[in-house]
Amino acid sequence: MAKEKVKHLSGVFASVFAHAGHITKEDAKEISGLDDHAFEHAYDKASNIAESVMQHEGDKMDKFLEHFAEEIEKWTEHFGGKIFK
């Protein structure tokens, strides 16, 4: 289960780069190692993050980190809120 959550997060992260035009969608899928269905879910999540970041007027990196941190928290809840023991 933890492996799939990490793959999802890597898919979201890589897909943000695809949305920004730095890599292709296919590259992001390859990096993630996810199947088609799981990757599309991660890609959609990345689309929302990228859109929010691009519309943000302030520091875009801060906004990206804020949104990505929310995704990390959501996908790591089963660790009891602690990735690092």
N, C-alpha and C. Protein backbone atom coordinates (compact mmCIF):
# COMPACT_ATOMS: atom_id res chain seq x y z
N MET A 1 0.82 -1.19 0.00
CA MET A 1 0.00 0.00 0.00
C MET A 1 0.87 1.26 0.00
N ALA A 2 1.91 1.28 0.82
CA ALA A 2 2.77 2.47 0.89
C ALA A 2 3.45 2.71 -0.46
N LYS A 3 3.84 1.63 -1.13
CA LYS A 3 4.50 1.77 -2.43
C LYS A 3 3.58 2.46 -3.43
N GLU A 4 2.31 2.10 -3.45
CA GLU A 4 1.37 2.71 -4.39
C GLU A 4 1.15 4.19 -4.07
N LYS A 5 1.15 4.54 -2.79
CA LYS A 5 0.99 5.94 -2.41
C LYS A 5 2.19 6.77 -2.86
N VAL A 6 3.38 6.21 -2.71
CA VAL A 6 4.58 6.91 -3.17
C VAL A 6 4.57 7.04 -4.69
N LYS A 7 4.13 6.00 -5.38
CA LYS A 7 4.04 6.07 -6.84
C LYS A 7 3.05 7.15 -7.27
N HIS A 8 1.91 7.25 -6.55
CA HIS A 8 0.93 8.29 -6.85
C HIS A 8 1.56 9.67 -6.69
N LEU A 9 2.24 9.88 -5.57
CA LEU A 9 2.85 11.19 -5.33
C LEU A 9 3.93 11.51 -6.37
N SER A 10 4.69 10.49 -6.78
CA SER A 10 5.68 10.74 -7.82
C SER A 10 5.00 11.05 -9.15
N GLY A 11 3.85 10.42 -9.37
CA GLY A 11 3.07 10.71 -10.58
C GLY A 11 2.55 12.12 -10.60
N VAL A 12 2.06 12.59 -9.46
CA VAL A 12 1.58 13.98 -9.36
C VAL A 12 2.75 14.93 -9.60
N PHE A 13 3.85 14.68 -8.92
CA PHE A 13 5.02 15.55 -9.04
C PHE A 13 5.51 15.62 -10.49
N ALA A 14 5.68 14.46 -11.11
CA ALA A 14 6.16 14.43 -12.50
C ALA A 14 5.14 15.08 -13.44
N SER A 15 3.86 14.89 -13.16
CA SER A 15 2.83 15.45 -14.03
C SER A 15 2.77 16.96 -13.96
N VAL A 16 3.15 17.55 -12.85
CA VAL A 16 3.22 19.01 -12.77
C VAL A 16 4.25 19.50 -13.79
N PHE A 17 5.37 18.79 -13.90
CA PHE A 17 6.38 19.15 -14.90
C PHE A 17 5.84 18.99 -16.31
N ALA A 18 5.00 18.00 -16.54
CA ALA A 18 4.38 17.82 -17.85
C ALA A 18 3.43 18.98 -18.16
N HIS A 19 2.64 19.37 -17.17
CA HIS A 19 1.71 20.49 -17.37
C HIS A 19 2.45 21.79 -17.63
N ALA A 20 3.65 21.91 -17.07
CA ALA A 20 4.44 23.12 -17.28
C ALA A 20 5.23 23.07 -18.59
N GLY A 21 5.16 21.93 -19.30
CA GLY A 21 5.80 21.81 -20.60
C GLY A 21 7.26 21.39 -20.57
N HIS A 22 7.74 20.90 -19.42
CA HIS A 22 9.15 20.53 -19.32
C HIS A 22 9.40 19.08 -19.72
N ILE A 23 8.39 18.22 -19.57
CA ILE A 23 8.47 16.83 -20.02
C ILE A 23 7.11 16.48 -20.64
N THR A 24 7.05 15.35 -21.29
CA THR A 24 5.79 14.92 -21.89
C THR A 24 4.94 14.17 -20.86
N LYS A 25 3.66 14.05 -21.17
CA LYS A 25 2.77 13.27 -20.33
C LYS A 25 3.26 11.83 -20.26
N GLU A 26 3.75 11.30 -21.37
CA GLU A 26 4.26 9.94 -21.40
C GLU A 26 5.49 9.79 -20.50
N ASP A 27 6.34 10.81 -20.48
CA ASP A 27 7.50 10.79 -19.59
C ASP A 27 7.04 10.74 -18.13
N ALA A 28 6.05 11.54 -17.81
CA ALA A 28 5.54 11.58 -16.43
C ALA A 28 4.97 10.22 -16.04
N LYS A 29 4.25 9.59 -16.95
CA LYS A 29 3.68 8.26 -16.68
C LYS A 29 4.79 7.25 -16.45
N GLU A 30 5.81 7.31 -17.27
CA GLU A 30 6.94 6.39 -17.12
C GLU A 30 7.63 6.60 -15.77
N ILE A 31 7.85 7.84 -15.40
CA ILE A 31 8.49 8.15 -14.13
C ILE A 31 7.67 7.61 -12.96
N SER A 32 6.36 7.75 -13.06
CA SER A 32 5.48 7.35 -11.95
C SER A 32 5.43 5.83 -11.76
N GLY A 33 5.49 5.10 -12.87
CA GLY A 33 5.35 3.65 -12.79
C GLY A 33 3.92 3.19 -12.52
N LEU A 34 2.96 4.09 -12.67
CA LEU A 34 1.56 3.77 -12.41
C LEU A 34 0.90 3.16 -13.64
N ASP A 35 -0.18 2.39 -13.40
CA ASP A 35 -0.97 1.90 -14.52
C ASP A 35 -1.78 3.07 -15.09
N ASP A 36 -2.43 2.85 -16.23
CA ASP A 36 -3.14 3.94 -16.92
C ASP A 36 -4.17 4.64 -16.04
N HIS A 37 -5.01 3.88 -15.37
CA HIS A 37 -6.07 4.46 -14.55
C HIS A 37 -5.50 5.28 -13.39
N ALA A 38 -4.56 4.70 -12.66
CA ALA A 38 -3.97 5.39 -11.51
C ALA A 38 -3.20 6.63 -11.97
N PHE A 39 -2.54 6.53 -13.13
CA PHE A 39 -1.81 7.69 -13.63
C PHE A 39 -2.76 8.82 -14.01
N GLU A 40 -3.86 8.50 -14.64
CA GLU A 40 -4.82 9.56 -15.02
C GLU A 40 -5.33 10.29 -13.78
N HIS A 41 -5.53 9.56 -12.69
CA HIS A 41 -5.94 10.19 -11.44
C HIS A 41 -4.85 11.16 -10.95
N ALA A 42 -3.60 10.72 -10.96
CA ALA A 42 -2.49 11.56 -10.55
C ALA A 42 -2.33 12.75 -11.49
N TYR A 43 -2.50 12.51 -12.78
CA TYR A 43 -2.36 13.58 -13.78
C TYR A 43 -3.44 14.64 -13.60
N ASP A 44 -4.66 14.21 -13.29
CA ASP A 44 -5.75 15.16 -13.03
C ASP A 44 -5.45 15.99 -11.79
N LYS A 45 -4.92 15.36 -10.77
CA LYS A 45 -4.58 16.09 -9.55
C LYS A 45 -3.49 17.12 -9.85
N ALA A 46 -2.51 16.73 -10.64
CA ALA A 46 -1.44 17.64 -11.02
C ALA A 46 -1.97 18.80 -11.85
N SER A 47 -2.97 18.53 -12.67
CA SER A 47 -3.60 19.59 -13.47
C SER A 47 -4.19 20.66 -12.57
N ASN A 48 -4.87 20.23 -11.52
CA ASN A 48 -5.46 21.18 -10.57
C ASN A 48 -4.38 21.99 -9.86
N ILE A 49 -3.31 21.31 -9.47
CA ILE A 49 -2.21 22.00 -8.80
C ILE A 49 -1.56 23.01 -9.74
N ALA A 50 -1.24 22.57 -10.96
CA ALA A 50 -0.58 23.45 -11.92
C ALA A 50 -1.44 24.67 -12.26
N GLU A 51 -2.73 24.45 -12.43
CA GLU A 51 -3.63 25.56 -12.74
C GLU A 51 -3.66 26.57 -11.59
N SER A 52 -3.74 26.08 -10.38
CA SER A 52 -3.76 26.96 -9.22
C SER A 52 -2.47 27.75 -9.10
N VAL A 53 -1.35 27.08 -9.33
CA VAL A 53 -0.06 27.74 -9.24
C VAL A 53 0.08 28.80 -10.32
N MET A 54 -0.31 28.49 -11.53
CA MET A 54 -0.17 29.44 -12.63
C MET A 54 -1.04 30.68 -12.43
N GLN A 55 -2.17 30.54 -11.76
CA GLN A 55 -3.06 31.68 -11.52
C GLN A 55 -2.64 32.51 -10.31
N HIS A 56 -1.72 31.98 -9.51
CA HIS A 56 -1.28 32.65 -8.29
C HIS A 56 -0.40 33.84 -8.64
N GLU A 57 -0.62 34.97 -7.98
CA GLU A 57 0.12 36.20 -8.27
C GLU A 57 1.45 36.28 -7.54
N GLY A 58 1.56 35.61 -6.39
CA GLY A 58 2.78 35.71 -5.59
C GLY A 58 3.83 34.70 -6.02
N ASP A 59 4.58 34.23 -5.05
CA ASP A 59 5.65 33.26 -5.29
C ASP A 59 5.04 31.93 -5.71
N LYS A 60 5.24 31.56 -6.95
CA LYS A 60 4.64 30.35 -7.49
C LYS A 60 5.21 29.08 -6.86
N MET A 61 6.48 29.10 -6.51
CA MET A 61 7.07 27.92 -5.87
C MET A 61 6.44 27.68 -4.50
N ASP A 62 6.23 28.74 -3.74
CA ASP A 62 5.56 28.59 -2.44
C ASP A 62 4.17 28.00 -2.62
N LYS A 63 3.45 28.47 -3.62
CA LYS A 63 2.10 27.97 -3.88
C LYS A 63 2.15 26.50 -4.30
N PHE A 64 3.10 26.14 -5.14
CA PHE A 64 3.25 24.75 -5.55
C PHE A 64 3.53 23.87 -4.33
N LEU A 65 4.46 24.28 -3.50
CA LEU A 65 4.80 23.49 -2.32
C LEU A 65 3.62 23.36 -1.37
N GLU A 66 2.83 24.42 -1.24
CA GLU A 66 1.64 24.37 -0.41
C GLU A 66 0.66 23.32 -0.91
N HIS A 67 0.39 23.33 -2.21
CA HIS A 67 -0.55 22.37 -2.79
C HIS A 67 0.00 20.94 -2.76
N PHE A 68 1.28 20.80 -3.06
CA PHE A 68 1.87 19.47 -3.06
C PHE A 68 1.92 18.91 -1.64
N ALA A 69 2.17 19.76 -0.66
CA ALA A 69 2.17 19.33 0.74
C ALA A 69 0.79 18.82 1.14
N GLU A 70 -0.26 19.49 0.68
CA GLU A 70 -1.63 19.02 0.96
C GLU A 70 -1.84 17.63 0.37
N GLU A 71 -1.35 17.40 -0.82
CA GLU A 71 -1.49 16.09 -1.47
C GLU A 71 -0.70 15.03 -0.69
N ILE A 72 0.49 15.39 -0.25
CA ILE A 72 1.30 14.46 0.54
C ILE A 72 0.57 14.10 1.83
N GLU A 73 0.04 15.09 2.51
CA GLU A 73 -0.70 14.83 3.75
C GLU A 73 -1.88 13.90 3.51
N LYS A 74 -2.61 14.14 2.44
CA LYS A 74 -3.77 13.32 2.13
C LYS A 74 -3.38 11.87 1.90
N TRP A 75 -2.29 11.66 1.16
CA TRP A 75 -1.90 10.32 0.76
C TRP A 75 -1.04 9.61 1.80
N THR A 76 -0.69 10.29 2.89
CA THR A 76 0.11 9.64 3.93
C THR A 76 -0.62 9.58 5.26
N GLU A 77 -1.92 9.85 5.27
CA GLU A 77 -2.69 9.80 6.51
C GLU A 77 -2.58 8.45 7.21
N HIS A 78 -2.50 7.39 6.45
CA HIS A 78 -2.45 6.05 7.06
C HIS A 78 -1.16 5.80 7.85
N PHE A 79 -0.16 6.68 7.71
CA PHE A 79 1.05 6.57 8.50
C PHE A 79 0.87 7.24 9.86
N GLY A 80 -0.34 7.69 10.16
CA GLY A 80 -0.60 8.34 11.43
C GLY A 80 -0.08 9.77 11.48
N GLY A 81 0.04 10.39 10.29
CA GLY A 81 0.50 11.77 10.23
C GLY A 81 2.01 11.93 10.31
N LYS A 82 2.72 10.81 10.39
CA LYS A 82 4.17 10.89 10.51
C LYS A 82 4.84 9.98 9.48
N ILE A 83 5.54 10.58 8.55
CA ILE A 83 6.33 9.79 7.62
C ILE A 83 7.62 9.37 8.33
N PHE A 84 8.18 10.31 9.08
CA PHE A 84 9.44 10.07 9.79
C PHE A 84 9.12 9.76 11.23
N LYS A 85 9.55 8.62 11.67
CA LYS A 85 9.24 8.19 13.04
C LYS A 85 10.09 8.90 14.05
